[in-house]
Amino acid sequence: MLENITKEKQIEIAVRLFDNSSYGTTYGKGLFRSAVFNGTIEAKSPAAKYLVDLYSFDDWCNRARTDEQMMILKDIEHATDKLYSWIQHWDSAAKTKRLVGGYMSLDIDSLGMEILICDEQTDFAGAWKIAAKPCKAAKINSSSPQILGTNANLDSW
């Protein structure tokens, strides 16, 4: 699905993934939180922020709600060593989330990320293949990511 990605004119993004501290806990009778990682995808220019929750393939498939998501599922091959997420746009002013077209996958072994975003409301679209790296262990009670992937220089971010 993301075979023809070119690096020309690609929007610079940073992907930060955090361990889901509530993984495995319940939020109702027989309902368990199953996202392994929570995270953000941020673009610098144009400025945009998206939220992701990475699930196993089966849990991710069960969260598909739209016809577009069903079409994406037909094109994705089941891989046990990958985690997947639908993507939500985060509006920080209104503090609201909105589902957008696309998905994200993370290869657990190589930490390779595939991202496809088609946000028609903000006219933001792109496809990326990014190699991520694990982050150093952070101080206790600090919010630092466990995995970081980017196609940009974060010094000027």
Protein backbone atom coordinates (compact mmCIF):
# COMPACT_ATOMS: atom_id res chain seq x y z
CA MET A 1 0.00 0.00 0.00
CA LEU A 2 2.91 2.37 0.69
CA GLU A 3 5.26 1.05 -1.98
CA ASN A 4 5.63 4.26 -4.03
CA ILE A 5 6.78 6.64 -1.32
CA THR A 6 9.24 9.29 -2.46
CA LYS A 7 11.34 11.37 -0.11
CA GLU A 8 10.92 14.49 -2.25
CA LYS A 9 8.69 17.17 -0.73
CA GLN A 10 7.79 14.89 2.15
CA ILE A 11 6.25 16.62 5.16
CA GLU A 12 8.53 16.38 8.20
CA ILE A 13 6.95 14.40 11.02
CA ALA A 14 7.91 13.09 14.43
CA VAL A 15 6.28 9.98 15.90
CA ARG A 16 6.45 9.47 19.65
CA LEU A 17 5.18 6.23 21.19
CA PHE A 18 4.62 5.73 24.91
CA ASP A 19 3.98 2.53 26.87
CA ASN A 20 0.28 2.30 27.67
CA SER A 21 0.28 2.29 31.46
CA SER A 22 -3.35 1.11 31.55
CA TYR A 23 -2.73 -1.87 29.21
CA GLY A 24 -4.63 -4.93 30.42
CA THR A 25 -6.81 -3.03 32.90
CA THR A 26 -10.59 -3.06 32.68
CA TYR A 27 -12.95 -0.24 31.84
CA GLY A 28 -16.15 -2.26 32.21
CA LYS A 29 -17.31 -5.78 32.87
CA GLY A 30 -15.30 -8.01 30.55
CA LEU A 31 -13.79 -5.03 28.67
CA PHE A 32 -10.01 -4.70 28.68
CA ARG A 33 -7.69 -1.98 27.39
CA SER A 34 -5.59 -3.65 24.73
CA ALA A 35 -3.47 -0.87 23.18
CA VAL A 36 0.20 -1.71 23.70
CA PHE A 37 1.41 1.82 22.88
CA ASN A 38 -0.23 5.25 22.79
CA GLY A 39 1.38 8.00 20.81
CA THR A 40 1.38 11.09 18.67
CA ILE A 41 2.30 11.94 15.11
CA GLU A 42 3.25 15.60 14.81
CA ALA A 43 3.95 17.60 11.68
CA LYS A 44 5.85 20.86 11.91
CA SER A 45 4.76 22.55 8.69
CA PRO A 46 1.84 22.51 8.16
CA ALA A 47 1.28 22.17 11.89
CA ALA A 48 -0.84 19.14 12.72
CA LYS A 49 -1.11 16.59 15.50
CA TYR A 50 -2.55 13.09 15.29
CA LEU A 51 -3.14 10.45 17.97
CA VAL A 52 -2.51 6.71 17.66
CA ASP A 53 -3.22 3.65 19.81
CA LEU A 54 -1.30 0.59 18.63
CA TYR A 55 -3.05 -2.79 18.83
CA SER A 56 -2.43 -6.35 17.68
CA PHE A 57 -3.87 -7.07 14.23
CA ASP A 58 -7.03 -8.77 15.51
CA ASP A 59 -7.82 -6.05 18.07
CA TRP A 60 -7.17 -3.38 15.41
CA CYS A 61 -9.50 -5.08 12.90
CA ASN A 62 -12.27 -5.18 15.49
CA ARG A 63 -12.03 -1.38 15.83
CA ALA A 64 -12.75 -0.71 12.14
CA ARG A 65 -15.95 1.32 11.85
CA THR A 66 -16.04 3.02 8.44
CA ASP A 67 -16.18 1.75 4.86
CA GLU A 68 -12.75 3.32 4.24
CA GLN A 69 -11.29 1.35 7.16
CA MET A 70 -12.81 -1.85 5.80
CA MET A 71 -11.13 -1.16 2.43
CA ILE A 72 -7.77 -0.62 4.16
CA LEU A 73 -8.17 -3.94 6.01
CA LYS A 74 -8.55 -5.76 2.66
CA ASP A 75 -5.15 -4.41 1.52
CA ILE A 76 -3.21 -5.15 4.71
CA GLU A 77 -1.61 -8.53 5.27
CA HIS A 78 -1.88 -10.04 8.74
CA ALA A 79 1.50 -9.94 10.49
CA THR A 80 1.95 -11.19 14.06
CA ASP A 81 5.09 -9.08 14.60
CA LYS A 82 3.35 -5.77 13.86
CA LEU A 83 1.08 -3.42 15.77
CA TYR A 84 -1.54 -1.26 14.03
CA SER A 85 -3.52 1.89 14.69
CA TRP A 86 -6.26 3.98 13.16
CA ILE A 87 -5.43 7.68 13.24
CA GLN A 88 -7.27 10.54 14.93
CA HIS A 89 -6.70 14.25 14.40
CA TRP A 90 -6.20 16.17 17.66
CA ASP A 91 -7.58 19.71 17.82
CA SER A 92 -5.82 21.24 20.82
CA ALA A 93 -7.97 24.39 20.82
CA ALA A 94 -11.27 22.51 21.04
CA LYS A 95 -9.74 19.49 22.85
CA THR A 96 -11.46 17.11 20.41
CA LYS A 97 -10.44 14.01 18.46
CA ARG A 98 -11.67 13.22 14.95
CA LEU A 99 -11.07 10.03 12.98
CA VAL A 100 -9.18 10.58 9.71
CA GLY A 101 -8.39 8.31 6.79
CA GLY A 102 -5.29 6.17 7.01
CA TYR A 103 -3.45 3.95 9.43
CA MET A 104 -0.11 3.38 11.12
CA SER A 105 1.84 0.15 11.59
CA LEU A 106 4.89 -0.62 13.72
CA ASP A 107 7.12 -3.63 13.10
CA ILE A 108 8.07 -4.76 16.61
CA ASP A 109 11.30 -6.46 15.50
CA SER A 110 12.82 -3.77 13.25
CA LEU A 111 10.91 -0.74 14.66
CA GLY A 112 9.98 0.22 11.11
CA MET A 113 6.91 2.45 10.86
CA GLU A 114 4.47 2.84 7.99
CA ILE A 115 2.13 5.81 8.18
CA LEU A 116 -0.66 6.86 5.84
CA ILE A 117 -2.72 9.97 6.65
CA CYS A 118 -5.53 11.40 4.51
CA ASP A 119 -7.13 14.27 6.44
CA GLU A 120 -9.51 15.98 4.02
CA GLN A 121 -10.79 18.57 6.52
CA THR A 122 -7.34 20.09 7.08
CA ASP A 123 -6.00 19.23 3.61
CA PHE A 124 -3.17 17.20 5.15
CA ALA A 125 -2.07 14.01 3.43
CA GLY A 126 1.06 11.93 3.23
CA ALA A 127 2.64 8.51 3.37
CA TRP A 128 5.86 7.75 5.23
CA LYS A 129 8.16 4.82 5.97
CA ILE A 130 10.28 5.70 8.97
CA ALA A 131 12.89 3.79 10.96
CA ALA A 132 12.30 4.35 14.66
CA LYS A 133 14.67 3.95 17.59
CA PRO A 134 14.11 3.08 21.23
CA CYS A 135 14.62 5.96 23.64
CA LYS A 136 16.79 5.94 26.73
CA ALA A 137 15.08 5.14 30.00
CA ALA A 138 13.61 8.30 31.46
CA LYS A 139 13.50 9.61 34.97
CA ILE A 140 10.70 8.39 37.18
CA ASN A 141 7.45 10.39 36.77
CA SER A 142 8.57 11.97 33.50
CA SER A 143 6.69 11.69 30.24
CA SER A 144 9.26 10.64 27.68
CA PRO A 145 8.59 8.31 24.76
CA GLN A 146 9.79 4.71 24.60
CA ILE A 147 10.06 4.79 20.78
CA LEU A 148 10.83 7.76 18.53
CA GLY A 149 10.67 7.89 14.75
CA THR A 150 11.23 10.93 12.56
CA ASN A 151 12.23 12.06 9.10
CA ALA A 152 13.35 15.46 10.39
CA ASN A 153 16.10 17.01 12.49
CA LEU A 154 14.51 17.42 15.93
CA ASP A 155 17.09 20.03 17.11
CA SER A 156 15.01 22.81 15.55
CA TRP A 157 11.63 21.28 16.33
